[in-house]
Amino acid sequence: MPLALALHRRTLGAARPFVVCDPRRGNWKPTVRSPGNRVSGAEALAAAAGGTLCLRHSRLPDDYAKMTEMAREPDAAVRVVVCAAPSADPFLILPGPLTIPPLASRAEDLPRIIEEYGQDAVATLGARPDAFTAEDRAWIARSCATTLHEVEKAALRLVALRMAGSISGAAGRLGMAPVSLRRWIARKAE
């Protein structure tokens, strides 16, 4: 789901709604840490109007058939993303699914991936280009290069730290609690 959220932000923008529909989770509003969730597919589709609705193939809502009909209406204006294993369903043949290999299998691409996320962080936070350094890139490669989401999060946090010069200032720029940023740094330093 973090990849679906990242694609949503890059294609539609962070201002548009991104709603998850997972019947195993409760209904909740979006927070800084996670997107909102709806148990009902119909409610999730309505909440995602103008944005993206994200589902797990293995956790479809009870009203999936109704939600599917609603999503096919011309005025629905919702992008529906289904997160699934490539072989999860024979109907995922066309249009071809977007398959993103794990970072562990892309060691030769890692420096470029880290650099791209660093440039995105600089642009997102309005920082000077030198706010993402070679030291930052090396630290991410050592400490955070387990998933694309982790690389993105690390780049944003490091650029915010360089810009603000303090944990509390960086946390403010990121819309998170300073204690959360401090704990993240401590975990990654271990």
C-alpha atoms as a PDB file:
ATOM      1  CA  MET A   1       0.000   0.000   0.000  1.00  0.00           C
ATOM      2  CA  PRO A   2       2.828   2.474   0.550  1.00  0.00           C
ATOM      3  CA  LEU A   3       3.686   2.163  -3.152  1.00  0.00           C
ATOM      4  CA  ALA A   4       0.072   2.778  -4.131  1.00  0.00           C
ATOM      5  CA  LEU A   5       0.078   5.872  -1.919  1.00  0.00           C
ATOM      6  CA  ALA A   6       3.358   7.091  -3.436  1.00  0.00           C
ATOM      7  CA  LEU A   7       1.989   6.631  -6.977  1.00  0.00           C
ATOM      8  CA  HIS A   8      -1.177   8.466  -5.965  1.00  0.00           C
ATOM      9  CA  ARG A   9       0.792  11.433  -4.605  1.00  0.00           C
ATOM     10  CA  ARG A  10       2.966  11.636  -7.708  1.00  0.00           C
ATOM     11  CA  THR A  11       0.140  11.328 -10.217  1.00  0.00           C
ATOM     12  CA  LEU A  12      -2.867  12.973  -8.552  1.00  0.00           C
ATOM     13  CA  GLY A  13      -1.221  14.961  -5.748  1.00  0.00           C
ATOM     14  CA  ALA A  14      -1.350  14.775  -1.968  1.00  0.00           C
ATOM     15  CA  ALA A  15      -4.414  17.044  -1.785  1.00  0.00           C
ATOM     16  CA  ARG A  16      -6.652  14.437  -3.437  1.00  0.00           C
ATOM     17  CA  PRO A  17      -8.130  11.690  -1.229  1.00  0.00           C
ATOM     18  CA  PHE A  18      -6.418   8.328  -0.852  1.00  0.00           C
ATOM     19  CA  VAL A  19      -8.692   5.847   0.902  1.00  0.00           C
ATOM     20  CA  VAL A  20      -8.022   2.252   1.885  1.00  0.00           C
ATOM     21  CA  CYS A  21     -10.835  -0.306   2.029  1.00  0.00           C
ATOM     22  CA  ASP A  22      -9.860  -3.097   4.389  1.00  0.00           C
ATOM     23  CA  PRO A  23     -12.733  -4.848   6.172  1.00  0.00           C
ATOM     24  CA  ARG A  24     -10.377  -6.202   8.856  1.00  0.00           C
ATOM     25  CA  ARG A  25      -9.556  -2.693  10.024  1.00  0.00           C
ATOM     26  CA  GLY A  26     -12.041  -0.280  11.489  1.00  0.00           C
ATOM     27  CA  ASN A  27     -13.314   2.933   9.964  1.00  0.00           C
ATOM     28  CA  TRP A  28     -10.918   5.801  10.635  1.00  0.00           C
ATOM     29  CA  LYS A  29      -9.985   9.175   9.246  1.00  0.00           C
ATOM     30  CA  PRO A  30      -6.580   9.801   7.642  1.00  0.00           C
ATOM     31  CA  THR A  31      -3.694  10.823   9.890  1.00  0.00           C
ATOM     32  CA  VAL A  32      -0.132  11.967   9.246  1.00  0.00           C
ATOM     33  CA  ARG A  33       0.964   8.351   9.629  1.00  0.00           C
ATOM     34  CA  SER A  34      -1.655   6.490   7.600  1.00  0.00           C
ATOM     35  CA  PRO A  35      -4.461   6.965   5.081  1.00  0.00           C
ATOM     36  CA  GLY A  36      -8.083   6.680   6.124  1.00  0.00           C
ATOM     37  CA  ASN A  37      -9.859   3.343   5.990  1.00  0.00           C
ATOM     38  CA  ARG A  38     -13.446   2.282   5.339  1.00  0.00           C
ATOM     39  CA  VAL A  39     -14.839  -1.189   5.951  1.00  0.00           C
ATOM     40  CA  SER A  40     -17.571  -0.779   3.327  1.00  0.00           C
ATOM     41  CA  GLY A  41     -16.523  -0.655  -0.321  1.00  0.00           C
ATOM     42  CA  ALA A  42     -19.359   1.723  -1.213  1.00  0.00           C
ATOM     43  CA  GLU A  43     -18.404   4.123   1.585  1.00  0.00           C
ATOM     44  CA  ALA A  44     -14.733   3.889   0.630  1.00  0.00           C
ATOM     45  CA  LEU A  45     -15.529   4.665  -2.996  1.00  0.00           C
ATOM     46  CA  ALA A  46     -17.554   7.726  -1.986  1.00  0.00           C
ATOM     47  CA  ALA A  47     -14.779   8.932   0.345  1.00  0.00           C
ATOM     48  CA  ALA A  48     -12.196   8.496  -2.435  1.00  0.00           C
ATOM     49  CA  ALA A  49     -14.110  10.644  -4.961  1.00  0.00           C
ATOM     50  CA  GLY A  50     -11.591  12.526  -7.095  1.00  0.00           C
ATOM     51  CA  GLY A  51      -8.719  10.407  -5.794  1.00  0.00           C
ATOM     52  CA  THR A  52      -7.683   6.811  -5.258  1.00  0.00           C
ATOM     53  CA  LEU A  53      -9.319   3.817  -3.605  1.00  0.00           C
ATOM     54  CA  CYS A  54      -6.849   1.120  -2.564  1.00  0.00           C
ATOM     55  CA  LEU A  55      -7.885  -2.488  -1.889  1.00  0.00           C
ATOM     56  CA  ARG A  56      -6.009  -5.653  -0.980  1.00  0.00           C
ATOM     57  CA  HIS A  57      -6.936  -8.548  -3.258  1.00  0.00           C
ATOM     58  CA  SER A  58      -6.948 -10.881  -0.254  1.00  0.00           C
ATOM     59  CA  ARG A  59      -9.251  -8.609   1.827  1.00  0.00           C
ATOM     60  CA  LEU A  60     -12.077  -7.455  -0.418  1.00  0.00           C
ATOM     61  CA  PRO A  61     -15.107  -5.861   1.274  1.00  0.00           C
ATOM     62  CA  ASP A  62     -18.399  -7.712   1.635  1.00  0.00           C
ATOM     63  CA  ASP A  63     -20.050  -5.241  -0.755  1.00  0.00           C
ATOM     64  CA  TYR A  64     -17.323  -5.594  -3.403  1.00  0.00           C
ATOM     65  CA  ALA A  65     -19.809  -6.357  -6.204  1.00  0.00           C
ATOM     66  CA  LYS A  66     -21.822  -3.215  -5.409  1.00  0.00           C
ATOM     67  CA  MET A  67     -18.637  -1.124  -5.131  1.00  0.00           C
ATOM     68  CA  THR A  68     -17.450  -2.448  -8.505  1.00  0.00           C
ATOM     69  CA  GLU A  69     -20.712  -1.394 -10.169  1.00  0.00           C
ATOM     70  CA  MET A  70     -20.435   2.065  -8.616  1.00  0.00           C
ATOM     71  CA  ALA A  71     -16.780   2.422  -9.696  1.00  0.00           C
ATOM     72  CA  ARG A  72     -17.720   1.670 -13.308  1.00  0.00           C
ATOM     73  CA  GLU A  73     -20.196   4.564 -13.451  1.00  0.00           C
ATOM     74  CA  PRO A  74     -18.894   7.351 -15.749  1.00  0.00           C
ATOM     75  CA  ASP A  75     -19.117   9.989 -13.020  1.00  0.00           C
ATOM     76  CA  ALA A  76     -17.351   7.878 -10.353  1.00  0.00           C
ATOM     77  CA  ALA A  77     -14.009   9.690 -10.907  1.00  0.00           C
ATOM     78  CA  VAL A  78     -12.062   7.310  -8.677  1.00  0.00           C
ATOM     79  CA  ARG A  79      -8.877   5.428  -9.491  1.00  0.00           C
ATOM     80  CA  VAL A  80      -9.118   1.930  -8.020  1.00  0.00           C
ATOM     81  CA  VAL A  81      -5.854   0.171  -7.136  1.00  0.00           C
ATOM     82  CA  VAL A  82      -5.854  -3.485  -6.141  1.00  0.00           C
ATOM     83  CA  CYS A  83      -2.702  -4.647  -4.358  1.00  0.00           C
ATOM     84  CA  ALA A  84      -2.090  -8.317  -5.196  1.00  0.00           C
ATOM     85  CA  ALA A  85       0.570 -10.896  -5.827  1.00  0.00           C
ATOM     86  CA  PRO A  86       1.279 -11.129  -9.580  1.00  0.00           C
ATOM     87  CA  SER A  87      -0.327 -14.576  -9.798  1.00  0.00           C
ATOM     88  CA  ALA A  88      -3.232 -13.767  -7.466  1.00  0.00           C
ATOM     89  CA  ASP A  89      -5.995 -13.692 -10.043  1.00  0.00           C
ATOM     90  CA  PRO A  90      -6.269 -14.726 -13.683  1.00  0.00           C
ATOM     91  CA  PHE A  91      -8.185 -11.511 -14.414  1.00  0.00           C
ATOM     92  CA  LEU A  92      -5.087  -9.443 -13.659  1.00  0.00           C
ATOM     93  CA  ILE A  93      -3.759 -10.176 -17.142  1.00  0.00           C
ATOM     94  CA  LEU A  94      -5.082  -7.067 -18.916  1.00  0.00           C
ATOM     95  CA  PRO A  95      -4.465  -4.333 -18.353  1.00  0.00           C
ATOM     96  CA  GLY A  96      -1.079  -5.595 -17.351  1.00  0.00           C
ATOM     97  CA  PRO A  97      -0.415  -5.287 -13.624  1.00  0.00           C
ATOM     98  CA  LEU A  98       2.260  -2.919 -12.408  1.00  0.00           C
ATOM     99  CA  THR A  99       4.875  -5.175 -10.815  1.00  0.00           C
ATOM    100  CA  ILE A 100       7.555  -3.576  -8.664  1.00  0.00           C
ATOM    101  CA  PRO A 101      10.411  -5.903  -7.709  1.00  0.00           C
ATOM    102  CA  PRO A 102      11.782  -5.734  -4.162  1.00  0.00           C
ATOM    103  CA  LEU A 103      14.859  -3.606  -3.522  1.00  0.00           C
ATOM    104  CA  ALA A 104      16.829  -6.692  -2.513  1.00  0.00           C
ATOM    105  CA  SER A 105      16.783  -7.773  -6.168  1.00  0.00           C
ATOM    106  CA  ARG A 106      17.772  -4.320  -7.472  1.00  0.00           C
ATOM    107  CA  ALA A 107      21.149  -3.630  -5.864  1.00  0.00           C
ATOM    108  CA  GLU A 108      22.524  -2.017  -9.041  1.00  0.00           C
ATOM    109  CA  ASP A 109      19.580   0.429  -9.113  1.00  0.00           C
ATOM    110  CA  LEU A 110      19.809   1.436  -5.457  1.00  0.00           C
ATOM    111  CA  PRO A 111      22.082   4.511  -5.815  1.00  0.00           C
ATOM    112  CA  ARG A 112      19.825   5.979  -8.514  1.00  0.00           C
ATOM    113  CA  ILE A 113      16.679   5.192  -6.515  1.00  0.00           C
ATOM    114  CA  ILE A 114      18.094   6.898  -3.430  1.00  0.00           C
ATOM    115  CA  GLU A 115      19.170   9.900  -5.512  1.00  0.00           C
ATOM    116  CA  GLU A 116      15.719  10.237  -7.102  1.00  0.00           C
ATOM    117  CA  TYR A 117      13.959  10.100  -3.736  1.00  0.00           C
ATOM    118  CA  GLY A 118      16.431  12.664  -2.417  1.00  0.00           C
ATOM    119  CA  GLN A 119      15.638  15.030  -5.285  1.00  0.00           C
ATOM    120  CA  ASP A 120      11.917  14.489  -4.673  1.00  0.00           C
ATOM    121  CA  ALA A 121      12.397  15.325  -0.980  1.00  0.00           C
ATOM    122  CA  VAL A 122      14.289  18.515  -1.864  1.00  0.00           C
ATOM    123  CA  ALA A 123      11.489  19.562  -4.233  1.00  0.00           C
ATOM    124  CA  THR A 124       8.691  18.586  -1.828  1.00  0.00           C
ATOM    125  CA  LEU A 125      10.194  20.526   1.076  1.00  0.00           C
ATOM    126  CA  GLY A 126      11.439  23.456  -1.033  1.00  0.00           C
ATOM    127  CA  ALA A 127      15.031  22.888   0.057  1.00  0.00           C
ATOM    128  CA  ARG A 128      18.269  23.884  -1.611  1.00  0.00           C
ATOM    129  CA  PRO A 129      19.781  21.089  -3.744  1.00  0.00           C
ATOM    130  CA  ASP A 130      22.682  20.698  -1.308  1.00  0.00           C
ATOM    131  CA  ALA A 131      20.235  19.714   1.474  1.00  0.00           C
ATOM    132  CA  PHE A 132      20.621  16.088   0.353  1.00  0.00           C
ATOM    133  CA  THR A 133      24.269  15.115   0.622  1.00  0.00           C
ATOM    134  CA  ALA A 134      26.498  12.198  -0.338  1.00  0.00           C
ATOM    135  CA  GLU A 135      26.619  11.373   3.373  1.00  0.00           C
ATOM    136  CA  ASP A 136      22.808  11.188   3.429  1.00  0.00           C
ATOM    137  CA  ARG A 137      22.781   8.877   0.407  1.00  0.00           C
ATOM    138  CA  ALA A 138      25.338   6.554   2.010  1.00  0.00           C
ATOM    139  CA  TRP A 139      23.441   6.523   5.321  1.00  0.00           C
ATOM    140  CA  ILE A 140      20.183   5.602   3.586  1.00  0.00           C
ATOM    141  CA  ALA A 141      21.921   2.802   1.676  1.00  0.00           C
ATOM    142  CA  ARG A 142      23.285   1.409   4.959  1.00  0.00           C
ATOM    143  CA  SER A 143      20.313   1.980   7.246  1.00  0.00           C
ATOM    144  CA  CYS A 144      17.046   2.331   5.327  1.00  0.00           C
ATOM    145  CA  ALA A 145      17.216   0.604   1.960  1.00  0.00           C
ATOM    146  CA  THR A 146      14.768  -2.204   2.708  1.00  0.00           C
ATOM    147  CA  THR A 147      11.735  -0.871   0.795  1.00  0.00           C
ATOM    148  CA  LEU A 148      10.986   2.033  -1.518  1.00  0.00           C
ATOM    149  CA  HIS A 149       8.742   3.483   1.181  1.00  0.00           C
ATOM    150  CA  GLU A 150      11.601   3.411   3.711  1.00  0.00           C
ATOM    151  CA  VAL A 151      13.958   5.128   1.256  1.00  0.00           C
ATOM    152  CA  GLU A 152      11.365   7.832   0.550  1.00  0.00           C
ATOM    153  CA  LYS A 153      10.679   8.389   4.255  1.00  0.00           C
ATOM    154  CA  ALA A 154      14.397   8.566   5.081  1.00  0.00           C
ATOM    155  CA  ALA A 155      15.116  11.074   2.302  1.00  0.00           C
ATOM    156  CA  LEU A 156      12.281  13.355   3.435  1.00  0.00           C
ATOM    157  CA  ARG A 157      13.358  13.189   7.069  1.00  0.00           C
ATOM    158  CA  LEU A 158      17.052  13.817   6.348  1.00  0.00           C
ATOM    159  CA  VAL A 159      16.309  16.803   4.116  1.00  0.00           C
ATOM    160  CA  ALA A 160      13.952  18.221   6.755  1.00  0.00           C
ATOM    161  CA  LEU A 161      16.652  17.764   9.405  1.00  0.00           C
ATOM    162  CA  ARG A 162      19.230  19.593   7.253  1.00  0.00           C
ATOM    163  CA  MET A 163      16.790  22.422   6.543  1.00  0.00           C
ATOM    164  CA  ALA A 164      15.622  22.905  10.114  1.00  0.00           C
ATOM    165  CA  GLY A 165      18.838  22.101  11.957  1.00  0.00           C
ATOM    166  CA  SER A 166      16.918  20.495  14.826  1.00  0.00           C
ATOM    167  CA  ILE A 167      14.679  17.529  15.465  1.00  0.00           C
ATOM    168  CA  SER A 168      11.763  19.653  16.607  1.00  0.00           C
ATOM    169  CA  GLY A 169      12.069  21.970  13.606  1.00  0.00           C
ATOM    170  CA  ALA A 170      12.281  19.039  11.183  1.00  0.00           C
ATOM    171  CA  ALA A 171       9.328  17.308  12.838  1.00  0.00           C
ATOM    172  CA  GLY A 172       7.310  20.493  12.435  1.00  0.00           C
ATOM    173  CA  ARG A 173       8.113  20.633   8.721  1.00  0.00           C
ATOM    174  CA  LEU A 174       7.060  17.001   8.348  1.00  0.00           C
ATOM    175  CA  GLY A 175       3.879  17.315  10.407  1.00  0.00           C
ATOM    176  CA  MET A 176       4.966  14.729  12.932  1.00  0.00           C
ATOM    177  CA  ALA A 177       5.771  14.660  16.638  1.00  0.00           C
ATOM    178  CA  PRO A 178       9.415  15.357  17.552  1.00  0.00           C
ATOM    179  CA  VAL A 179       9.479  12.233  19.732  1.00  0.00           C
ATOM    180  CA  SER A 180       8.530  10.095  16.707  1.00  0.00           C
ATOM    181  CA  LEU A 181      11.357  11.549  14.644  1.00  0.00           C
ATOM    182  CA  ARG A 182      13.806  11.110  17.533  1.00  0.00           C
ATOM    183  CA  ARG A 183      12.787   7.439  17.931  1.00  0.00           C
ATOM    184  CA  TRP A 184      13.137   6.836  14.193  1.00  0.00           C
ATOM    185  CA  ILE A 185      16.672   8.257  14.241  1.00  0.00           C
ATOM    186  CA  ALA A 186      17.578   6.122  17.263  1.00  0.00           C
ATOM    187  CA  ARG A 187      16.240   2.937  15.604  1.00  0.00           C
ATOM    188  CA  LYS A 188      18.137   3.608  12.394  1.00  0.00           C
ATOM    189  CA  ALA A 189      21.378   4.408  14.241  1.00  0.00           C
ATOM    190  CA  GLU A 190      21.428   0.956  15.899  1.00  0.00           C
END
